[in-house]
C-alpha atoms as a PDB file:
ATOM      1  CA  MET A   1    -101.003-110.932-134.101  1.00  0.00           C
ATOM      2  CA  GLN A   2    -104.421-112.512-134.420  1.00  0.00           C
ATOM      3  CA  ASN A   3    -106.812-111.564-131.626  1.00  0.00           C
ATOM      4  CA  TYR A   4    -108.445-114.856-130.730  1.00  0.00           C
ATOM      5  CA  ASN A   5    -111.902-115.094-129.175  1.00  0.00           C
ATOM      6  CA  ILE A   6    -111.106-117.031-126.013  1.00  0.00           C
ATOM      7  CA  SER A   7    -112.847-118.075-122.823  1.00  0.00           C
ATOM      8  CA  ALA A   8    -111.603-119.827-119.702  1.00  0.00           C
ATOM      9  CA  SER A   9    -113.057-121.202-116.494  1.00  0.00           C
ATOM     10  CA  ILE A  10    -111.505-121.678-113.064  1.00  0.00           C
ATOM     11  CA  VAL A  11    -113.337-123.622-110.349  1.00  0.00           C
ATOM     12  CA  VAL A  12    -112.319-122.635-106.813  1.00  0.00           C
ATOM     13  CA  TYR A  13    -112.922-124.426-103.528  1.00  0.00           C
ATOM     14  CA  ASN A  14    -109.814-124.234-101.318  1.00  0.00           C
ATOM     15  CA  SER A  15    -106.290-122.729-101.229  1.00  0.00           C
ATOM     16  CA  PRO A  16    -107.341-119.072-101.678  1.00  0.00           C
ATOM     17  CA  GLU A  17    -103.737-117.846-102.001  1.00  0.00           C
ATOM     18  CA  ASP A  18    -103.092-120.155-104.963  1.00  0.00           C
ATOM     19  CA  ALA A  19    -106.422-119.224-106.572  1.00  0.00           C
ATOM     20  CA  TYR A  20    -105.637-115.515-106.236  1.00  0.00           C
ATOM     21  CA  LYS A  21    -102.246-115.992-107.932  1.00  0.00           C
ATOM     22  CA  THR A  22    -103.839-117.996-110.731  1.00  0.00           C
ATOM     23  CA  VAL A  23    -106.445-115.343-111.507  1.00  0.00           C
ATOM     24  CA  GLU A  24    -103.797-112.626-111.251  1.00  0.00           C
ATOM     25  CA  THR A  25    -101.415-114.248-113.757  1.00  0.00           C
ATOM     26  CA  VAL A  26    -104.200-115.217-116.156  1.00  0.00           C
ATOM     27  CA  LEU A  27    -105.563-111.662-116.250  1.00  0.00           C
ATOM     28  CA  LYS A  28    -102.101-110.110-116.459  1.00  0.00           C
ATOM     29  CA  HIS A  29    -101.191-112.076-119.560  1.00  0.00           C
ATOM     30  CA  THR A  30    -104.523-111.778-121.387  1.00  0.00           C
ATOM     31  CA  GLU A  31    -105.000-107.998-121.125  1.00  0.00           C
ATOM     32  CA  ASN A  32    -104.730-107.489-124.897  1.00  0.00           C
ATOM     33  CA  LEU A  33    -106.810-110.514-125.900  1.00  0.00           C
ATOM     34  CA  ASP A  34    -110.502-110.968-126.618  1.00  0.00           C
ATOM     35  CA  PHE A  35    -110.789-112.987-123.445  1.00  0.00           C
ATOM     36  CA  SER A  36    -113.564-113.923-121.015  1.00  0.00           C
ATOM     37  CA  LEU A  37    -112.721-115.466-117.661  1.00  0.00           C
ATOM     38  CA  TYR A  38    -115.286-117.243-115.486  1.00  0.00           C
ATOM     39  CA  VAL A  39    -114.552-117.966-111.829  1.00  0.00           C
ATOM     40  CA  ILE A  40    -116.877-120.598-110.362  1.00  0.00           C
ATOM     41  CA  ASP A  41    -117.007-120.784-106.572  1.00  0.00           C
ATOM     42  CA  ASN A  42    -117.925-124.352-105.621  1.00  0.00           C
ATOM     43  CA  ALA A  43    -119.482-123.215-102.311  1.00  0.00           C
ATOM     44  CA  SER A  44    -115.989-122.747-100.876  1.00  0.00           C
ATOM     45  CA  PRO A  45    -115.839-122.592 -97.060  1.00  0.00           C
ATOM     46  CA  GLU A  46    -113.626-119.490 -97.241  1.00  0.00           C
ATOM     47  CA  LYS A  47    -115.810-117.778 -99.881  1.00  0.00           C
ATOM     48  CA  ILE A  48    -112.883-117.568-102.256  1.00  0.00           C
ATOM     49  CA  GLY A  49    -114.983-116.333-105.159  1.00  0.00           C
ATOM     50  CA  GLU A  50    -116.207-113.389-103.131  1.00  0.00           C
ATOM     51  CA  LYS A  51    -112.651-112.469-102.110  1.00  0.00           C
ATOM     52  CA  ILE A  52    -111.425-112.688-105.707  1.00  0.00           C
ATOM     53  CA  LYS A  53    -114.427-110.675-106.858  1.00  0.00           C
ATOM     54  CA  ASN A  54    -113.436-107.885-104.481  1.00  0.00           C
ATOM     55  CA  ALA A  55    -109.880-107.938-105.842  1.00  0.00           C
ATOM     56  CA  PHE A  56    -110.498-108.197-109.602  1.00  0.00           C
ATOM     57  CA  ASP A  57    -113.090-106.523-111.796  1.00  0.00           C
ATOM     58  CA  LYS A  58    -112.841-108.408-115.070  1.00  0.00           C
ATOM     59  CA  PRO A  59    -113.847-112.019-114.346  1.00  0.00           C
ATOM     60  CA  GLU A  60    -117.455-113.105-114.378  1.00  0.00           C
ATOM     61  CA  TYR A  61    -118.436-114.947-111.218  1.00  0.00           C
ATOM     62  CA  ILE A  62    -120.723-117.899-110.617  1.00  0.00           C
ATOM     63  CA  MET A  63    -121.405-118.654-106.968  1.00  0.00           C
ATOM     64  CA  LEU A  64    -122.781-122.134-106.308  1.00  0.00           C
ATOM     65  CA  SER A  65    -124.797-123.074-103.226  1.00  0.00           C
ATOM     66  CA  GLU A  66    -123.149-126.505-102.983  1.00  0.00           C
ATOM     67  CA  ASN A  67    -119.940-128.208-104.022  1.00  0.00           C
ATOM     68  CA  VAL A  68    -120.907-129.964-107.254  1.00  0.00           C
ATOM     69  CA  GLY A  69    -117.408-131.192-108.079  1.00  0.00           C
ATOM     70  CA  PHE A  70    -114.730-130.195-110.575  1.00  0.00           C
ATOM     71  CA  GLY A  71    -116.389-131.120-113.856  1.00  0.00           C
ATOM     72  CA  LYS A  72    -119.917-129.953-113.050  1.00  0.00           C
ATOM     73  CA  GLY A  73    -118.389-126.720-111.798  1.00  0.00           C
ATOM     74  CA  HIS A  74    -116.766-126.075-115.180  1.00  0.00           C
ATOM     75  CA  ASN A  75    -119.999-127.058-116.936  1.00  0.00           C
ATOM     76  CA  GLN A  76    -121.700-123.977-115.483  1.00  0.00           C
ATOM     77  CA  VAL A  77    -120.257-121.925-118.371  1.00  0.00           C
ATOM     78  CA  LEU A  78    -121.577-124.093-121.209  1.00  0.00           C
ATOM     79  CA  ASP A  79    -124.553-121.845-121.962  1.00  0.00           C
ATOM     80  CA  LYS A  80    -122.516-118.654-121.539  1.00  0.00           C
ATOM     81  CA  ILE A  81    -119.393-118.966-123.675  1.00  0.00           C
ATOM     82  CA  LYS A  82    -119.307-117.884-127.317  1.00  0.00           C
ATOM     83  CA  SER A  83    -115.597-118.319-127.909  1.00  0.00           C
ATOM     84  CA  LYS A  84    -113.551-120.217-130.467  1.00  0.00           C
ATOM     85  CA  TYR A  85    -111.375-121.861-127.819  1.00  0.00           C
ATOM     86  CA  HIS A  86    -112.147-122.613-124.185  1.00  0.00           C
ATOM     87  CA  PHE A  87    -109.488-123.161-121.503  1.00  0.00           C
ATOM     88  CA  ILE A  88    -109.883-125.324-118.419  1.00  0.00           C
ATOM     89  CA  ILE A  89    -107.595-123.914-115.717  1.00  0.00           C
ATOM     90  CA  ASN A  90    -106.901-125.191-112.219  1.00  0.00           C
ATOM     91  CA  PRO A  91    -106.731-122.682-109.357  1.00  0.00           C
ATOM     92  CA  ASP A  92    -103.097-123.667-108.734  1.00  0.00           C
ATOM     93  CA  ILE A  93    -101.697-122.704-112.157  1.00  0.00           C
ATOM     94  CA  LEU A  94     -99.361-119.833-113.043  1.00  0.00           C
ATOM     95  CA  ILE A  95     -99.041-118.862-116.706  1.00  0.00           C
ATOM     96  CA  ASN A  96     -96.579-116.772-118.683  1.00  0.00           C
ATOM     97  CA  LYS A  97     -97.317-114.200-121.370  1.00  0.00           C
ATOM     98  CA  ASP A  98     -97.144-116.608-124.304  1.00  0.00           C
ATOM     99  CA  THR A  99     -99.176-119.534-122.997  1.00  0.00           C
ATOM    100  CA  ILE A 100    -102.725-118.656-124.054  1.00  0.00           C
ATOM    101  CA  THR A 101    -101.876-117.312-127.511  1.00  0.00           C
ATOM    102  CA  GLU A 102     -99.399-120.129-128.173  1.00  0.00           C
ATOM    103  CA  MET A 103    -102.042-122.727-127.412  1.00  0.00           C
ATOM    104  CA  CYS A 104    -104.487-120.978-129.747  1.00  0.00           C
ATOM    105  CA  ARG A 105    -101.859-120.821-132.510  1.00  0.00           C
ATOM    106  CA  PHE A 106    -101.251-124.542-132.097  1.00  0.00           C
ATOM    107  CA  MET A 107    -104.956-125.286-132.394  1.00  0.00           C
ATOM    108  CA  ASP A 108    -105.141-123.127-135.525  1.00  0.00           C
ATOM    109  CA  SER A 109    -102.209-124.919-137.125  1.00  0.00           C
ATOM    110  CA  HIS A 110    -103.637-128.336-136.190  1.00  0.00           C
ATOM    111  CA  PRO A 111    -107.282-128.239-137.302  1.00  0.00           C
ATOM    112  CA  GLU A 112    -107.553-131.947-136.533  1.00  0.00           C
ATOM    113  CA  CYS A 113    -106.884-131.200-132.847  1.00  0.00           C
ATOM    114  CA  SER A 114    -109.922-131.042-130.554  1.00  0.00           C
ATOM    115  CA  ILE A 115    -108.113-130.838-127.197  1.00  0.00           C
ATOM    116  CA  CYS A 116    -104.576-129.884-126.226  1.00  0.00           C
ATOM    117  CA  CYS A 117    -102.414-129.567-123.122  1.00  0.00           C
ATOM    118  CA  PRO A 118     -99.119-127.692-122.628  1.00  0.00           C
ATOM    119  CA  LYS A 119     -95.834-128.603-120.968  1.00  0.00           C
ATOM    120  CA  VAL A 120     -96.536-128.475-117.236  1.00  0.00           C
ATOM    121  CA  LEU A 121     -93.676-127.493-114.932  1.00  0.00           C
ATOM    122  CA  ASN A 122     -93.019-127.612-111.230  1.00  0.00           C
ATOM    123  CA  PRO A 123     -92.094-124.312-109.551  1.00  0.00           C
ATOM    124  CA  ASP A 124     -88.421-125.346-109.784  1.00  0.00           C
ATOM    125  CA  GLY A 125     -88.684-125.708-113.570  1.00  0.00           C
ATOM    126  CA  SER A 126     -88.698-129.510-113.698  1.00  0.00           C
ATOM    127  CA  ILE A 127     -91.357-131.182-115.818  1.00  0.00           C
ATOM    128  CA  GLN A 128     -94.563-132.769-114.570  1.00  0.00           C
ATOM    129  CA  TYR A 129     -95.402-135.644-116.905  1.00  0.00           C
ATOM    130  CA  LEU A 130     -99.123-134.986-117.298  1.00  0.00           C
ATOM    131  CA  ALA A 131     -99.657-135.818-120.979  1.00  0.00           C
ATOM    132  CA  LYS A 132    -100.335-139.411-120.100  1.00  0.00           C
ATOM    133  CA  ARG A 133    -101.617-142.707-121.411  1.00  0.00           C
ATOM    134  CA  ARG A 134    -105.051-144.032-120.569  1.00  0.00           C
ATOM    135  CA  PRO A 135    -105.318-144.816-116.851  1.00  0.00           C
ATOM    136  CA  THR A 136    -105.215-148.367-115.571  1.00  0.00           C
ATOM    137  CA  LEU A 137    -105.528-149.920-112.108  1.00  0.00           C
ATOM    138  CA  SER A 138    -101.837-150.847-112.091  1.00  0.00           C
ATOM    139  CA  ALA A 139    -100.919-147.279-113.039  1.00  0.00           C
ATOM    140  CA  LEU A 140    -103.058-145.944-110.195  1.00  0.00           C
ATOM    141  CA  LEU A 141    -101.192-148.173-107.726  1.00  0.00           C
ATOM    142  CA  ALA A 142     -97.848-147.290-109.293  1.00  0.00           C
ATOM    143  CA  ARG A 143     -98.511-143.585-108.694  1.00  0.00           C
ATOM    144  CA  ARG A 144     -98.498-144.368-104.943  1.00  0.00           C
ATOM    145  CA  ILE A 145     -95.818-147.040-104.669  1.00  0.00           C
ATOM    146  CA  HIS A 146     -93.055-145.805-107.052  1.00  0.00           C
ATOM    147  CA  LYS A 147     -90.873-148.867-106.377  1.00  0.00           C
ATOM    148  CA  GLY A 148     -89.795-152.085-108.080  1.00  0.00           C
ATOM    149  CA  PRO A 149     -91.911-153.137-111.081  1.00  0.00           C
ATOM    150  CA  PHE A 150     -94.373-150.340-110.317  1.00  0.00           C
ATOM    151  CA  ARG A 151     -91.762-147.753-111.301  1.00  0.00           C
ATOM    152  CA  LYS A 152     -91.754-149.007-114.904  1.00  0.00           C
ATOM    153  CA  ILE A 153     -95.557-149.088-114.962  1.00  0.00           C
ATOM    154  CA  GLU A 154     -95.629-145.495-113.743  1.00  0.00           C
ATOM    155  CA  GLU A 155     -93.060-144.369-116.330  1.00  0.00           C
ATOM    156  CA  LYS A 156     -95.095-145.963-119.108  1.00  0.00           C
ATOM    157  CA  TYR A 157     -98.309-144.378-117.837  1.00  0.00           C
ATOM    158  CA  LEU A 158     -96.605-140.964-117.769  1.00  0.00           C
ATOM    159  CA  ALA A 159     -95.237-141.493-121.300  1.00  0.00           C
ATOM    160  CA  MET A 160     -91.783-140.635-119.986  1.00  0.00           C
ATOM    161  CA  GLU A 161     -90.097-142.274-122.961  1.00  0.00           C
ATOM    162  CA  GLN A 162     -91.604-139.646-125.274  1.00  0.00           C
ATOM    163  CA  ASP A 163     -89.501-136.680-126.385  1.00  0.00           C
ATOM    164  CA  HIS A 164     -91.236-133.938-124.415  1.00  0.00           C
ATOM    165  CA  SER A 165     -89.435-131.230-126.371  1.00  0.00           C
ATOM    166  CA  LYS A 166     -91.688-132.063-129.343  1.00  0.00           C
ATOM    167  CA  SER A 167     -95.442-132.207-129.759  1.00  0.00           C
ATOM    168  CA  PHE A 168     -97.127-135.596-129.833  1.00  0.00           C
ATOM    169  CA  GLU A 169    -100.577-137.166-129.710  1.00  0.00           C
ATOM    170  CA  THR A 170    -101.645-138.076-126.215  1.00  0.00           C
ATOM    171  CA  GLU A 171    -104.355-140.265-124.708  1.00  0.00           C
ATOM    172  CA  PHE A 172    -104.882-138.081-121.636  1.00  0.00           C
ATOM    173  CA  CYS A 173    -104.819-134.259-121.500  1.00  0.00           C
ATOM    174  CA  THR A 174    -104.390-133.019-117.952  1.00  0.00           C
ATOM    175  CA  GLY A 175    -107.294-131.145-116.410  1.00  0.00           C
ATOM    176  CA  CYS A 176    -104.963-128.742-114.607  1.00  0.00           C
ATOM    177  CA  PHE A 177    -104.641-126.776-117.862  1.00  0.00           C
ATOM    178  CA  SER A 178    -106.016-127.664-121.264  1.00  0.00           C
ATOM    179  CA  VAL A 179    -107.821-126.078-124.193  1.00  0.00           C
ATOM    180  CA  LEU A 180    -110.726-127.402-126.248  1.00  0.00           C
ATOM    181  CA  ARG A 181    -112.462-126.112-129.302  1.00  0.00           C
ATOM    182  CA  THR A 182    -115.568-124.557-127.814  1.00  0.00           C
ATOM    183  CA  ASP A 183    -117.852-126.243-130.333  1.00  0.00           C
ATOM    184  CA  VAL A 184    -116.426-129.623-129.260  1.00  0.00           C
ATOM    185  CA  PHE A 185    -116.844-128.709-125.579  1.00  0.00           C
ATOM    186  CA  ARG A 186    -120.506-128.039-126.306  1.00  0.00           C
ATOM    187  CA  LYS A 187    -121.030-131.147-128.452  1.00  0.00           C
ATOM    188  CA  ILE A 188    -119.811-133.423-125.671  1.00  0.00           C
ATOM    189  CA  LYS A 189    -121.852-131.384-123.142  1.00  0.00           C
ATOM    190  CA  GLY A 190    -118.791-130.589-121.080  1.00  0.00           C
ATOM    191  CA  PHE A 191    -117.526-132.906-118.378  1.00  0.00           C
ATOM    192  CA  ASP A 192    -119.369-136.099-117.503  1.00  0.00           C
ATOM    193  CA  PRO A 193    -121.271-135.290-114.264  1.00  0.00           C
ATOM    194  CA  GLN A 194    -120.757-138.843-112.970  1.00  0.00           C
ATOM    195  CA  TYR A 195    -117.321-137.781-111.746  1.00  0.00           C
ATOM    196  CA  PHE A 196    -117.064-135.620-108.654  1.00  0.00           C
ATOM    197  CA  LEU A 197    -113.267-135.364-108.745  1.00  0.00           C
ATOM    198  CA  TYR A 198    -110.404-137.189-110.517  1.00  0.00           C
ATOM    199  CA  PHE A 199    -110.332-138.807-113.973  1.00  0.00           C
ATOM    200  CA  GLU A 200    -112.890-136.409-115.407  1.00  0.00           C
ATOM    201  CA  ASP A 201    -109.988-135.037-117.484  1.00  0.00           C
ATOM    202  CA  ALA A 202    -109.127-138.511-118.780  1.00  0.00           C
ATOM    203  CA  ASP A 203    -112.803-138.936-119.617  1.00  0.00           C
ATOM    204  CA  ILE A 204    -113.207-135.600-121.423  1.00  0.00           C
ATOM    205  CA  THR A 205    -110.089-136.366-123.467  1.00  0.00           C
ATOM    206  CA  MET A 206    -111.762-139.548-124.694  1.00  0.00           C
ATOM    207  CA  GLU A 207    -114.971-137.649-125.444  1.00  0.00           C
ATOM    208  CA  ALA A 208    -113.118-134.904-127.329  1.00  0.00           C
ATOM    209  CA  LYS A 209    -111.234-137.495-129.372  1.00  0.00           C
ATOM    210  CA  LYS A 210    -114.558-138.473-130.953  1.00  0.00           C
ATOM    211  CA  TYR A 211    -114.223-135.187-132.869  1.00  0.00           C
ATOM    212  CA  GLY A 212    -110.467-134.994-133.419  1.00  0.00           C
ATOM    213  CA  LYS A 213    -107.090-135.661-131.869  1.00  0.00           C
ATOM    214  CA  ALA A 214    -105.538-134.871-128.494  1.00  0.00           C
ATOM    215  CA  TYR A 215    -102.110-133.244-128.462  1.00  0.00           C
ATOM    216  CA  TYR A 216     -99.329-132.206-126.128  1.00  0.00           C
ATOM    217  CA  ASN A 217     -97.740-128.864-127.084  1.00  0.00           C
ATOM    218  CA  PRO A 218     -94.352-128.173-125.411  1.00  0.00           C
ATOM    219  CA  ASP A 219     -94.058-124.675-126.886  1.00  0.00           C
ATOM    220  CA  ALA A 220     -96.596-123.507-124.302  1.00  0.00           C
ATOM    221  CA  THR A 221     -95.733-123.877-120.617  1.00  0.00           C
ATOM    222  CA  VAL A 222     -97.504-123.414-117.297  1.00  0.00           C
ATOM    223  CA  VAL A 223     -96.352-123.794-113.700  1.00  0.00           C
ATOM    224  CA  HIS A 224     -98.445-126.123-111.556  1.00  0.00           C
ATOM    225  CA  LEU A 225     -98.362-125.587-107.782  1.00  0.00           C
ATOM    226  CA  TRP A 226     -99.219-129.244-107.298  1.00  0.00           C
ATOM    227  CA  HIS A 227    -100.081-130.483-103.793  1.00  0.00           C
ATOM    228  CA  ARG A 228    -100.763-134.182-104.630  1.00  0.00           C
ATOM    229  CA  GLU A 229    -103.597-134.640-102.114  1.00  0.00           C
ATOM    230  CA  THR A 230    -104.110-138.301-103.031  1.00  0.00           C
ATOM    231  CA  ALA A 231    -100.563-139.064-101.937  1.00  0.00           C
ATOM    232  CA  LYS A 232    -101.145-137.465 -98.512  1.00  0.00           C
ATOM    233  CA  SER A 233    -104.572-138.716 -97.501  1.00  0.00           C
ATOM    234  CA  PHE A 234    -106.575-141.924 -97.764  1.00  0.00           C
ATOM    235  CA  LYS A 235    -109.916-140.210 -98.433  1.00  0.00           C
ATOM    236  CA  PRO A 236    -108.852-138.506-101.696  1.00  0.00           C
ATOM    237  CA  PHE A 237    -107.324-141.797-102.827  1.00  0.00           C
ATOM    238  CA  MET A 238    -110.631-143.591-102.279  1.00  0.00           C
ATOM    239  CA  LEU A 239    -112.401-140.881-104.250  1.00  0.00           C
ATOM    240  CA  GLN A 240    -109.843-141.333-107.007  1.00  0.00           C
ATOM    241  CA  LEU A 241    -110.460-145.088-106.947  1.00  0.00           C
ATOM    242  CA  ARG A 242    -114.214-144.536-107.281  1.00  0.00           C
ATOM    243  CA  SER A 243    -113.667-142.289-110.300  1.00  0.00           C
ATOM    244  CA  MET A 244    -111.337-144.880-111.789  1.00  0.00           C
ATOM    245  CA  PHE A 245    -114.108-147.495-111.724  1.00  0.00           C
ATOM    246  CA  ILE A 246    -116.552-145.042-113.327  1.00  0.00           C
ATOM    247  CA  TYR A 247    -113.972-144.470-116.071  1.00  0.00           C
ATOM    248  CA  MET A 248    -113.387-148.201-116.598  1.00  0.00           C
ATOM    249  CA  LYS A 249    -117.087-148.994-116.707  1.00  0.00           C
ATOM    250  CA  LYS A 250    -117.525-146.365-119.399  1.00  0.00           C
ATOM    251  CA  TRP A 251    -114.404-146.891-121.500  1.00  0.00           C
ATOM    252  CA  GLY A 252    -113.374-150.467-120.798  1.00  0.00           C
ATOM    253  CA  TYR A 253    -111.382-152.219-118.106  1.00  0.00           C
ATOM    254  CA  LYS A 254    -107.580-152.223-118.334  1.00  0.00           C
ATOM    255  CA  LEU A 255    -105.244-153.722-115.761  1.00  0.00           C
END
């Protein structure tokens, strides 16, 4: 089996138990790979990075003095990584033994691919439809309402009509787990720092597509311990709305 040169970054801020499990499963299933893991502590109130550092030897740690947001947190590794492929991993992801290598194999067999996401599952094994279409205002509302005509808008946004047992091109690779060619990650200078949280993954998909295609690969799976904060609180929703307008200003308005 080819030993890929791989790097990954995980930005932590809250939910230390989830973050610990993520780091644990990532390290467990990359023991035999040429793999570098970076844990970026976004000035977490509970000092999660320090706790993880005391529990695991292998990751490299970057401790920030302030919370700079999701994308800028991941950008801290841009001048450090020398890999072929770089993984963006949320601190609420669990992986299995085949995920990392399967994603690398897919990238190798699809040289036109610049960014790719796997099949994302709930803990009960059901699918999370996160290989999506470009976001729109109506889709953002539909993700909260789920009723009447909004249900069809949501289903279209989530590309639910696609056969998710097969790979397909996507307009939106989820930021909870995705892989980019490292040279592309560098060319686009990582995530756009305009975004603090939300839609930076939609944005980086568009940026990466300047250099290739975006794909969904169902042969690789991850489990996402998703807490859907925007559905529980008004403040995260307003932050999401702000990011949506940044996205639309940059890439064009769509209702």
